[in-house]
């Protein structure tokens, strides 16, 4: 029964990572669309994408590892 639990945990963790990746990919596509619509050059596009991706990554890391922080 223990191997079933480990396999279920592994599958759900893998699906969670896939979901995070798809959200990150969608954010990048929306940023590219917005930057193209506004006519931004390559440097403005990179700043926009970097800011948006960092916000998503911080939220994902906080959701994953935030419970490990002990606020004393």
PDB file of N, CA and C in Angstrom:
ATOM      1  N   UNK A   1       0.817  -1.194   0.000  1.00  0.00           N
ATOM      2  CA  UNK A   1       0.000   0.000   0.000  1.00  0.00           C
ATOM      3  C   UNK A   1       0.860   1.256   0.000  1.00  0.00           C
ATOM      4  N   UNK A   2       2.055   1.162   0.556  1.00  0.00           N
ATOM      5  CA  UNK A   2       2.943   2.315   0.618  1.00  0.00           C
ATOM      6  C   UNK A   2       3.402   2.744  -0.776  1.00  0.00           C
ATOM      7  N   UNK A   3       3.646   1.797  -1.664  1.00  0.00           N
ATOM      8  CA  UNK A   3       4.079   2.153  -3.017  1.00  0.00           C
ATOM      9  C   UNK A   3       2.967   2.870  -3.781  1.00  0.00           C
ATOM     10  N   UNK A   4       1.721   2.532  -3.514  1.00  0.00           N
ATOM     11  CA  UNK A   4       0.594   3.221  -4.149  1.00  0.00           C
ATOM     12  C   UNK A   4       0.561   4.686  -3.713  1.00  0.00           C
ATOM     13  N   UNK A   5       0.810   4.934  -2.449  1.00  0.00           N
ATOM     14  CA  UNK A   5       0.819   6.299  -1.931  1.00  0.00           C
ATOM     15  C   UNK A   5       1.945   7.110  -2.569  1.00  0.00           C
ATOM     16  N   UNK A   6       3.119   6.516  -2.678  1.00  0.00           N
ATOM     17  CA  UNK A   6       4.260   7.206  -3.286  1.00  0.00           C
ATOM     18  C   UNK A   6       3.977   7.505  -4.751  1.00  0.00           C
ATOM     19  N   UNK A   7       3.372   6.559  -5.458  1.00  0.00           N
ATOM     20  CA  UNK A   7       3.058   6.776  -6.866  1.00  0.00           C
ATOM     21  C   UNK A   7       2.010   7.877  -7.021  1.00  0.00           C
ATOM     22  N   UNK A   8       0.976   7.874  -6.188  1.00  0.00           N
ATOM     23  CA  UNK A   8      -0.041   8.923  -6.257  1.00  0.00           C
ATOM     24  C   UNK A   8       0.559  10.293  -5.963  1.00  0.00           C
ATOM     25  N   UNK A   9       1.418  10.350  -4.954  1.00  0.00           N
ATOM     26  CA  UNK A   9       2.075  11.610  -4.613  1.00  0.00           C
ATOM     27  C   UNK A   9       2.929  12.102  -5.773  1.00  0.00           C
ATOM     28  N   UNK A  10       3.657  11.203  -6.411  1.00  0.00           N
ATOM     29  CA  UNK A  10       4.509  11.570  -7.540  1.00  0.00           C
ATOM     30  C   UNK A  10       3.680  12.066  -8.714  1.00  0.00           C
ATOM     31  N   UNK A  11       2.589  11.393  -9.009  1.00  0.00           N
ATOM     32  CA  UNK A  11       1.737  11.804 -10.131  1.00  0.00           C
ATOM     33  C   UNK A  11       1.127  13.169  -9.861  1.00  0.00           C
ATOM     34  N   UNK A  12       0.602  13.392  -8.658  1.00  0.00           N
ATOM     35  CA  UNK A  12      -0.018  14.680  -8.353  1.00  0.00           C
ATOM     36  C   UNK A  12       1.007  15.798  -8.317  1.00  0.00           C
ATOM     37  N   UNK A  13       2.212  15.525  -7.840  1.00  0.00           N
ATOM     38  CA  UNK A  13       3.269  16.531  -7.859  1.00  0.00           C
ATOM     39  C   UNK A  13       3.643  16.877  -9.290  1.00  0.00           C
ATOM     40  N   UNK A  14       3.750  15.874 -10.141  1.00  0.00           N
ATOM     41  CA  UNK A  14       4.057  16.107 -11.550  1.00  0.00           C
ATOM     42  C   UNK A  14       2.963  16.940 -12.216  1.00  0.00           C
ATOM     43  N   UNK A  15       1.705  16.620 -11.957  1.00  0.00           N
ATOM     44  CA  UNK A  15       0.600  17.391 -12.527  1.00  0.00           C
ATOM     45  C   UNK A  15       0.578  18.819 -11.995  1.00  0.00           C
ATOM     46  N   UNK A  16       0.970  19.003 -10.758  1.00  0.00           N
ATOM     47  CA  UNK A  16       1.051  20.348 -10.193  1.00  0.00           C
ATOM     48  C   UNK A  16       2.119  21.165 -10.903  1.00  0.00           C
ATOM     49  N   UNK A  17       3.267  20.549 -11.185  1.00  0.00           N
ATOM     50  CA  UNK A  17       4.323  21.249 -11.920  1.00  0.00           C
ATOM     51  C   UNK A  17       3.884  21.578 -13.344  1.00  0.00           C
ATOM     52  N   UNK A  18       3.163  20.681 -13.973  1.00  0.00           N
ATOM     53  CA  UNK A  18       2.660  20.953 -15.322  1.00  0.00           C
ATOM     54  C   UNK A  18       1.691  22.129 -15.296  1.00  0.00           C
ATOM     55  N   UNK A  19       0.826  22.168 -14.298  1.00  0.00           N
ATOM     56  CA  UNK A  19      -0.102  23.289 -14.168  1.00  0.00           C
ATOM     57  C   UNK A  19       0.619  24.608 -13.973  1.00  0.00           C
ATOM     58  N   UNK A  20       1.651  24.618 -13.128  1.00  0.00           N
ATOM     59  CA  UNK A  20       2.438  25.834 -12.933  1.00  0.00           C
ATOM     60  C   UNK A  20       3.118  26.258 -14.228  1.00  0.00           C
ATOM     61  N   UNK A  21       3.642  25.298 -14.967  1.00  0.00           N
ATOM     62  CA  UNK A  21       4.288  25.615 -16.237  1.00  0.00           C
ATOM     63  C   UNK A  21       3.290  26.202 -17.230  1.00  0.00           C
ATOM     64  N   UNK A  22       2.094  25.648 -17.303  1.00  0.00           N
ATOM     65  CA  UNK A  22       1.090  26.167 -18.231  1.00  0.00           C
ATOM     66  C   UNK A  22       0.658  27.578 -17.857  1.00  0.00           C
ATOM     67  N   UNK A  23       0.532  27.859 -16.576  1.00  0.00           N
ATOM     68  CA  UNK A  23       0.197  29.216 -16.144  1.00  0.00           C
ATOM     69  C   UNK A  23       1.318  30.173 -16.522  1.00  0.00           C
ATOM     70  N   UNK A  24       2.556  29.767 -16.305  1.00  0.00           N
ATOM     71  CA  UNK A  24       3.696  30.605 -16.663  1.00  0.00           C
ATOM     72  C   UNK A  24       3.756  30.841 -18.167  1.00  0.00           C
ATOM     73  N   UNK A  25       3.494  29.815 -18.942  1.00  0.00           N
ATOM     74  CA  UNK A  25       3.492  29.948 -20.398  1.00  0.00           C
ATOM     75  C   UNK A  25       2.382  30.892 -20.857  1.00  0.00           C
ATOM     76  N   UNK A  26       1.214  30.801 -20.237  1.00  0.00           N
ATOM     77  CA  UNK A  26       0.104  31.694 -20.589  1.00  0.00           C
ATOM     78  C   UNK A  26       0.446  33.143 -20.254  1.00  0.00           C
ATOM     79  N   UNK A  27       1.113  33.368 -19.135  1.00  0.00           N
ATOM     80  CA  UNK A  27       1.522  34.730 -18.771  1.00  0.00           C
ATOM     81  C   UNK A  27       2.498  35.280 -19.798  1.00  0.00           C
ATOM     82  N   UNK A  28       3.431  34.466 -20.242  1.00  0.00           N
ATOM     83  CA  UNK A  28       4.394  34.913 -21.255  1.00  0.00           C
ATOM     84  C   UNK A  28       3.684  35.244 -22.562  1.00  0.00           C
ATOM     85  N   UNK A  29       2.739  34.411 -22.975  1.00  0.00           N
ATOM     86  CA  UNK A  29       2.010  34.688 -24.213  1.00  0.00           C
ATOM     87  C   UNK A  29       1.193  35.972 -24.119  1.00  0.00           C
ATOM     88  N   UNK A  30       0.553  36.199 -22.987  1.00  0.00           N
ATOM     89  CA  UNK A  30      -0.225  37.433 -22.813  1.00  0.00           C
ATOM     90  C   UNK A  30       0.696  38.648 -22.822  1.00  0.00           C
ATOM     91  N   UNK A  31       1.858  38.542 -22.189  1.00  0.00           N
ATOM     92  CA  UNK A  31       2.817  39.651 -22.206  1.00  0.00           C
ATOM     93  C   UNK A  31       3.315  39.927 -23.617  1.00  0.00           C
ATOM     94  N   UNK A  32       3.597  38.891 -24.369  1.00  0.00           N
ATOM     95  CA  UNK A  32       4.035  39.082 -25.754  1.00  0.00           C
ATOM     96  C   UNK A  32       2.938  39.736 -26.594  1.00  0.00           C
ATOM     97  N   UNK A  33       1.705  39.308 -26.391  1.00  0.00           N
ATOM     98  CA  UNK A  33       0.592  39.901 -27.130  1.00  0.00           C
ATOM     99  C   UNK A  33       0.440  41.379 -26.777  1.00  0.00           C
ATOM    100  N   UNK A  34       0.504  41.700 -25.489  1.00  0.00           N
ATOM    101  CA  UNK A  34       0.349  43.081 -25.038  1.00  0.00           C
ATOM    102  C   UNK A  34       1.494  43.951 -25.558  1.00  0.00           C
ATOM    103  N   UNK A  35       2.724  43.433 -25.483  1.00  0.00           N
ATOM    104  CA  UNK A  35       3.874  44.199 -25.955  1.00  0.00           C
ATOM    105  C   UNK A  35       3.811  44.405 -27.465  1.00  0.00           C
ATOM    106  N   UNK A  36       3.355  43.404 -28.194  1.00  0.00           N
ATOM    107  CA  UNK A  36       3.208  43.563 -29.637  1.00  0.00           C
ATOM    108  C   UNK A  36       2.126  44.566 -29.993  1.00  0.00           C
ATOM    109  N   UNK A  37       1.045  44.560 -29.228  1.00  0.00           N
ATOM    110  CA  UNK A  37      -0.053  45.489 -29.474  1.00  0.00           C
ATOM    111  C   UNK A  37       0.374  46.931 -29.198  1.00  0.00           C
ATOM    112  N   UNK A  38       1.187  47.130 -28.166  1.00  0.00           N
ATOM    113  CA  UNK A  38       1.652  48.470 -27.809  1.00  0.00           C
ATOM    114  C   UNK A  38       2.851  48.915 -28.650  1.00  0.00           C
ATOM    115  N   UNK A  39       3.477  47.994 -29.368  1.00  0.00           N
ATOM    116  CA  UNK A  39       4.619  48.345 -30.209  1.00  0.00           C
ATOM    117  C   UNK A  39       5.915  48.530 -29.430  1.00  0.00           C
ATOM    118  N   UNK A  40       6.084  47.794 -28.349  1.00  0.00           N
ATOM    119  CA  UNK A  40       7.295  47.910 -27.545  1.00  0.00           C
ATOM    120  C   UNK A  40       8.485  47.321 -28.290  1.00  0.00           C
ATOM    121  N   UNK A  41       9.675  47.888 -28.028  1.00  0.00           N
ATOM    122  CA  UNK A  41      10.880  47.311 -28.613  1.00  0.00           C
ATOM    123  C   UNK A  41      11.326  46.113 -27.772  1.00  0.00           C
ATOM    124  N   UNK A  42      12.436  45.501 -28.154  1.00  0.00           N
ATOM    125  CA  UNK A  42      12.853  44.243 -27.530  1.00  0.00           C
ATOM    126  C   UNK A  42      13.202  44.421 -26.056  1.00  0.00           C
ATOM    127  N   UNK A  43      13.765  45.578 -25.676  1.00  0.00           N
ATOM    128  CA  UNK A  43      14.144  45.792 -24.280  1.00  0.00           C
ATOM    129  C   UNK A  43      12.921  46.014 -23.397  1.00  0.00           C
ATOM    130  N   UNK A  44      11.949  46.751 -23.904  1.00  0.00           N
ATOM    131  CA  UNK A  44      10.715  46.943 -23.142  1.00  0.00           C
ATOM    132  C   UNK A  44       9.951  45.629 -23.005  1.00  0.00           C
ATOM    133  N   UNK A  45       9.995  44.803 -24.040  1.00  0.00           N
ATOM    134  CA  UNK A  45       9.345  43.488 -23.963  1.00  0.00           C
ATOM    135  C   UNK A  45       9.988  42.611 -22.901  1.00  0.00           C
ATOM    136  N   UNK A  46      11.312  42.610 -22.855  1.00  0.00           N
ATOM    137  CA  UNK A  46      11.988  41.764 -21.872  1.00  0.00           C
ATOM    138  C   UNK A  46      11.700  42.222 -20.449  1.00  0.00           C
ATOM    139  N   UNK A  47      11.635  43.531 -20.216  1.00  0.00           N
ATOM    140  CA  UNK A  47      11.305  44.015 -18.877  1.00  0.00           C
ATOM    141  C   UNK A  47       9.885  43.636 -18.493  1.00  0.00           C
ATOM    142  N   UNK A  48       8.964  43.757 -19.424  1.00  0.00           N
ATOM    143  CA  UNK A  48       7.573  43.400 -19.146  1.00  0.00           C
ATOM    144  C   UNK A  48       7.445  41.912 -18.827  1.00  0.00           C
ATOM    145  N   UNK A  49       8.061  41.073 -19.639  1.00  0.00           N
ATOM    146  CA  UNK A  49       7.979  39.629 -19.425  1.00  0.00           C
ATOM    147  C   UNK A  49       8.689  39.236 -18.130  1.00  0.00           C
ATOM    148  N   UNK A  50       9.848  39.844 -17.856  1.00  0.00           N
ATOM    149  CA  UNK A  50      10.580  39.529 -16.633  1.00  0.00           C
ATOM    150  C   UNK A  50       9.763  39.878 -15.396  1.00  0.00           C
ATOM    151  N   UNK A  51       9.151  41.046 -15.388  1.00  0.00           N
ATOM    152  CA  UNK A  51       8.351  41.454 -14.225  1.00  0.00           C
ATOM    153  C   UNK A  51       7.160  40.526 -14.026  1.00  0.00           C
ATOM    154  N   UNK A  52       6.471  40.184 -15.100  1.00  0.00           N
ATOM    155  CA  UNK A  52       5.293  39.319 -14.985  1.00  0.00           C
ATOM    156  C   UNK A  52       5.684  37.909 -14.557  1.00  0.00           C
ATOM    157  N   UNK A  53       6.748  37.379 -15.130  1.00  0.00           N
ATOM    158  CA  UNK A  53       7.168  36.016 -14.796  1.00  0.00           C
ATOM    159  C   UNK A  53       7.668  35.944 -13.356  1.00  0.00           C
ATOM    160  N   UNK A  54       8.386  36.955 -12.901  1.00  0.00           N
ATOM    161  CA  UNK A  54       8.852  36.941 -11.517  1.00  0.00           C
ATOM    162  C   UNK A  54       7.690  36.975 -10.532  1.00  0.00           C
ATOM    163  N   UNK A  55       6.649  37.744 -10.853  1.00  0.00           N
ATOM    164  CA  UNK A  55       5.478  37.755  -9.969  1.00  0.00           C
ATOM    165  C   UNK A  55       4.842  36.375  -9.892  1.00  0.00           C
ATOM    166  N   UNK A  56       4.712  35.707 -11.027  1.00  0.00           N
ATOM    167  CA  UNK A  56       4.107  34.370 -11.035  1.00  0.00           C
ATOM    168  C   UNK A  56       4.994  33.373 -10.299  1.00  0.00           C
ATOM    169  N   UNK A  57       6.301  33.452 -10.511  1.00  0.00           N
ATOM    170  CA  UNK A  57       7.212  32.532  -9.828  1.00  0.00           C
ATOM    171  C   UNK A  57       7.215  32.746  -8.317  1.00  0.00           C
ATOM    172  N   UNK A  58       7.172  34.007  -7.886  1.00  0.00           N
ATOM    173  CA  UNK A  58       7.129  34.276  -6.451  1.00  0.00           C
ATOM    174  C   UNK A  58       5.854  33.715  -5.848  1.00  0.00           C
ATOM    175  N   UNK A  59       4.731  33.900  -6.522  1.00  0.00           N
ATOM    176  CA  UNK A  59       3.476  33.346  -6.004  1.00  0.00           C
ATOM    177  C   UNK A  59       3.504  31.819  -5.971  1.00  0.00           C
ATOM    178  N   UNK A  60       4.070  31.200  -6.995  1.00  0.00           N
ATOM    179  CA  UNK A  60       4.137  29.737  -7.027  1.00  0.00           C
ATOM    180  C   UNK A  60       5.064  29.209  -5.939  1.00  0.00           C
ATOM    181  N   UNK A  61       6.193  29.861  -5.740  1.00  0.00           N
ATOM    182  CA  UNK A  61       7.111  29.426  -4.687  1.00  0.00           C
ATOM    183  C   UNK A  61       6.519  29.661  -3.306  1.00  0.00           C
ATOM    184  N   UNK A  62       5.798  30.768  -3.143  1.00  0.00           N
ATOM    185  CA  UNK A  62       5.163  31.026  -1.858  1.00  0.00           C
ATOM    186  C   UNK A  62       4.103  29.967  -1.565  1.00  0.00           C
ATOM    187  N   UNK A  63       3.344  29.588  -2.594  1.00  0.00           N
ATOM    188  CA  UNK A  63       2.315  28.563  -2.417  1.00  0.00           C
ATOM    189  C   UNK A  63       2.953  27.219  -2.068  1.00  0.00           C
ATOM    190  N   UNK A  64       4.094  26.924  -2.681  1.00  0.00           N
ATOM    191  CA  UNK A  64       4.739  25.634  -2.474  1.00  0.00           C
ATOM    192  C   UNK A  64       5.535  25.581  -1.175  1.00  0.00           C
ATOM    193  N   UNK A  65       6.356  26.592  -0.937  1.00  0.00           N
ATOM    194  CA  UNK A  65       7.286  26.539   0.188  1.00  0.00           C
ATOM    195  C   UNK A  65       6.948  27.511   1.307  1.00  0.00           C
ATOM    196  N   UNK A  66       5.920  28.320   1.158  1.00  0.00           N
ATOM    197  CA  UNK A  66       5.576  29.296   2.181  1.00  0.00           C
ATOM    198  C   UNK A  66       5.148  28.668   3.485  1.00  0.00           C
ATOM    199  N   UNK A  67       4.581  27.484   3.414  1.00  0.00           N
ATOM    200  CA  UNK A  67       4.143  26.810   4.640  1.00  0.00           C
ATOM    201  C   UNK A  67       5.321  26.360   5.485  1.00  0.00           C
ATOM    202  N   UNK A  68       6.513  26.316   4.895  1.00  0.00           N
ATOM    203  CA  UNK A  68       7.694  25.903   5.645  1.00  0.00           C
ATOM    204  C   UNK A  68       8.290  27.038   6.473  1.00  0.00           C
ATOM    205  N   UNK A  69       7.863  28.272   6.189  1.00  0.00           N
ATOM    206  CA  UNK A  69       8.393  29.412   6.925  1.00  0.00           C
ATOM    207  C   UNK A  69       7.716  29.507   8.285  1.00  0.00           C
ATOM    208  N   UNK A  70       8.502  29.725   9.295  1.00  0.00           N
ATOM    209  CA  UNK A  70       7.971  29.910  10.644  1.00  0.00           C
ATOM    210  C   UNK A  70       8.124  31.377  11.015  1.00  0.00           C
ATOM    211  N   UNK A  71       7.017  32.068  11.130  1.00  0.00           N
ATOM    212  CA  UNK A  71       7.048  33.480  11.500  1.00  0.00           C
ATOM    213  C   UNK A  71       6.972  33.565  13.017  1.00  0.00           C
ATOM    214  N   UNK A  72       8.101  33.890  13.619  1.00  0.00           N
ATOM    215  CA  UNK A  72       8.153  33.947  15.087  1.00  0.00           C
ATOM    216  C   UNK A  72       8.227  35.382  15.526  1.00  0.00           C
TER     217      UNK A  72
END
